[in-house]
Amino acid sequence: MSRVVWLRAHARLSRFEEEVNILEAEMSRTKAALRFEENRWLVRAGDNEVPGAQAWAMRQAALWAALLEHATKEFKDARSTYRPPLPTQ
């Protein structure tokens, strides 16, 4: 294998690994944002004494919790099906 081919393959592998790291960080930030929204609505439900508003806030918290659960499952599935590229020689 020529040096140029090896360098290009190595650069391609580095870009791929960087993209995987970026996606992992995005998944983490997405889950943190969904968790934050759920907690914000739970606080609103606790602070509110009007039954209708409290019910609405609880419903919103449940919605964000469901989104978090779905995202966690999808991210886990994505990680389990990930296959790293073959290492370059």
C-alpha atoms as a PDB file:
ATOM      1  CA  MET A   1       0.000   0.000   0.000  1.00  0.00           C
ATOM      2  CA  SER A   2       1.446   3.321  -0.947  1.00  0.00           C
ATOM      3  CA  ARG A   3       1.957   6.038   1.608  1.00  0.00           C
ATOM      4  CA  VAL A   4      -0.607   8.359  -0.039  1.00  0.00           C
ATOM      5  CA  VAL A   5      -3.303   5.680   0.046  1.00  0.00           C
ATOM      6  CA  TRP A   6      -2.539   4.951   3.695  1.00  0.00           C
ATOM      7  CA  LEU A   7      -2.659   8.654   4.615  1.00  0.00           C
ATOM      8  CA  ARG A   8      -5.989   9.120   2.862  1.00  0.00           C
ATOM      9  CA  ALA A   9      -7.445   6.047   4.566  1.00  0.00           C
ATOM     10  CA  HIS A  10      -6.147   7.238   7.924  1.00  0.00           C
ATOM     11  CA  ALA A  11      -7.684  10.696   7.381  1.00  0.00           C
ATOM     12  CA  ARG A  12     -11.000   9.091   6.382  1.00  0.00           C
ATOM     13  CA  LEU A  13     -10.972   6.964   9.535  1.00  0.00           C
ATOM     14  CA  SER A  14     -10.179  10.019  11.671  1.00  0.00           C
ATOM     15  CA  ARG A  15     -13.097  11.949  10.148  1.00  0.00           C
ATOM     16  CA  PHE A  16     -15.392   8.988  10.763  1.00  0.00           C
ATOM     17  CA  GLU A  17     -14.311   8.713  14.407  1.00  0.00           C
ATOM     18  CA  GLU A  18     -14.821  12.454  14.853  1.00  0.00           C
ATOM     19  CA  GLU A  19     -18.340  12.179  13.438  1.00  0.00           C
ATOM     20  CA  VAL A  20     -19.126   9.335  15.862  1.00  0.00           C
ATOM     21  CA  ASN A  21     -17.909  11.502  18.765  1.00  0.00           C
ATOM     22  CA  ILE A  22     -20.057  14.410  17.571  1.00  0.00           C
ATOM     23  CA  LEU A  23     -23.127  12.164  17.334  1.00  0.00           C
ATOM     24  CA  GLU A  24     -22.500  10.770  20.829  1.00  0.00           C
ATOM     25  CA  ALA A  25     -22.324  14.328  22.186  1.00  0.00           C
ATOM     26  CA  GLU A  26     -25.525  15.291  20.350  1.00  0.00           C
ATOM     27  CA  MET A  27     -27.317  12.265  21.805  1.00  0.00           C
ATOM     28  CA  SER A  28     -26.168  13.219  25.285  1.00  0.00           C
ATOM     29  CA  ARG A  29     -27.233  16.853  24.870  1.00  0.00           C
ATOM     30  CA  THR A  30     -30.601  15.817  23.445  1.00  0.00           C
ATOM     31  CA  LYS A  31     -31.330  13.586  26.427  1.00  0.00           C
ATOM     32  CA  ALA A  32     -30.223  16.333  28.837  1.00  0.00           C
ATOM     33  CA  ALA A  33     -32.510  18.855  27.135  1.00  0.00           C
ATOM     34  CA  LEU A  34     -35.495  16.489  27.264  1.00  0.00           C
ATOM     35  CA  ARG A  35     -34.805  15.748  30.950  1.00  0.00           C
ATOM     36  CA  PHE A  36     -34.573  19.499  31.642  1.00  0.00           C
ATOM     37  CA  GLU A  37     -37.957  20.157  30.002  1.00  0.00           C
ATOM     38  CA  GLU A  38     -39.577  17.323  31.943  1.00  0.00           C
ATOM     39  CA  ASN A  39     -38.245  18.702  35.226  1.00  0.00           C
ATOM     40  CA  ARG A  40     -39.279  22.242  34.334  1.00  0.00           C
ATOM     41  CA  TRP A  41     -42.872  21.112  33.808  1.00  0.00           C
ATOM     42  CA  LEU A  42     -42.828  19.091  37.027  1.00  0.00           C
ATOM     43  CA  VAL A  43     -41.751  22.215  38.916  1.00  0.00           C
ATOM     44  CA  ARG A  44     -44.520  24.206  37.229  1.00  0.00           C
ATOM     45  CA  ALA A  45     -47.031  21.542  38.266  1.00  0.00           C
ATOM     46  CA  GLY A  46     -45.831  21.706  41.868  1.00  0.00           C
ATOM     47  CA  ASP A  47     -45.900  25.506  41.950  1.00  0.00           C
ATOM     48  CA  ASN A  48     -49.389  25.793  40.502  1.00  0.00           C
ATOM     49  CA  GLU A  49     -52.486  25.459  42.689  1.00  0.00           C
ATOM     50  CA  VAL A  50     -55.058  25.751  39.904  1.00  0.00           C
ATOM     51  CA  PRO A  51     -56.165  22.158  39.158  1.00  0.00           C
ATOM     52  CA  GLY A  52     -56.480  22.660  35.398  1.00  0.00           C
ATOM     53  CA  ALA A  53     -53.081  24.297  35.087  1.00  0.00           C
ATOM     54  CA  GLN A  54     -51.526  21.649  37.303  1.00  0.00           C
ATOM     55  CA  ALA A  55     -53.054  18.888  35.159  1.00  0.00           C
ATOM     56  CA  TRP A  56     -51.739  20.583  32.010  1.00  0.00           C
ATOM     57  CA  ALA A  57     -48.251  20.845  33.491  1.00  0.00           C
ATOM     58  CA  MET A  58     -48.304  17.172  34.498  1.00  0.00           C
ATOM     59  CA  ARG A  59     -49.422  16.254  30.997  1.00  0.00           C
ATOM     60  CA  GLN A  60     -46.558  18.256  29.513  1.00  0.00           C
ATOM     61  CA  ALA A  61     -44.092  16.600  31.912  1.00  0.00           C
ATOM     62  CA  ALA A  62     -45.380  13.184  30.833  1.00  0.00           C
ATOM     63  CA  LEU A  63     -44.967  14.171  27.187  1.00  0.00           C
ATOM     64  CA  TRP A  64     -41.321  15.178  27.736  1.00  0.00           C
ATOM     65  CA  ALA A  65     -40.715  11.992  29.742  1.00  0.00           C
ATOM     66  CA  ALA A  66     -42.119   9.908  26.875  1.00  0.00           C
ATOM     67  CA  LEU A  67     -39.891  11.746  24.405  1.00  0.00           C
ATOM     68  CA  LEU A  68     -36.896  11.094  26.645  1.00  0.00           C
ATOM     69  CA  GLU A  69     -37.762   7.398  26.907  1.00  0.00           C
ATOM     70  CA  HIS A  70     -38.182   7.122  23.139  1.00  0.00           C
ATOM     71  CA  ALA A  71     -34.915   8.959  22.439  1.00  0.00           C
ATOM     72  CA  THR A  72     -33.043   6.787  24.938  1.00  0.00           C
ATOM     73  CA  LYS A  73     -34.344   3.632  23.247  1.00  0.00           C
ATOM     74  CA  GLU A  74     -33.522   4.893  19.759  1.00  0.00           C
ATOM     75  CA  PHE A  75     -30.029   5.985  20.779  1.00  0.00           C
ATOM     76  CA  LYS A  76     -29.408   2.616  22.434  1.00  0.00           C
ATOM     77  CA  ASP A  77     -30.533   0.850  19.253  1.00  0.00           C
ATOM     78  CA  ALA A  78     -28.290   3.082  17.155  1.00  0.00           C
ATOM     79  CA  ARG A  79     -25.304   2.299  19.369  1.00  0.00           C
ATOM     80  CA  SER A  80     -25.977  -1.451  19.267  1.00  0.00           C
ATOM     81  CA  THR A  81     -26.095  -1.531  15.450  1.00  0.00           C
ATOM     82  CA  TYR A  82     -22.964   0.611  15.036  1.00  0.00           C
ATOM     83  CA  ARG A  83     -20.044  -1.217  13.496  1.00  0.00           C
ATOM     84  CA  PRO A  84     -16.729   0.607  13.379  1.00  0.00           C
ATOM     85  CA  PRO A  85     -14.891   0.571  10.070  1.00  0.00           C
ATOM     86  CA  LEU A  86     -12.055  -1.830   9.547  1.00  0.00           C
ATOM     87  CA  PRO A  87      -8.786  -0.483  10.899  1.00  0.00           C
ATOM     88  CA  THR A  88      -6.279   0.637   8.327  1.00  0.00           C
ATOM     89  CA  GLN A  89      -2.949  -1.116   8.126  1.00  0.00           C
END
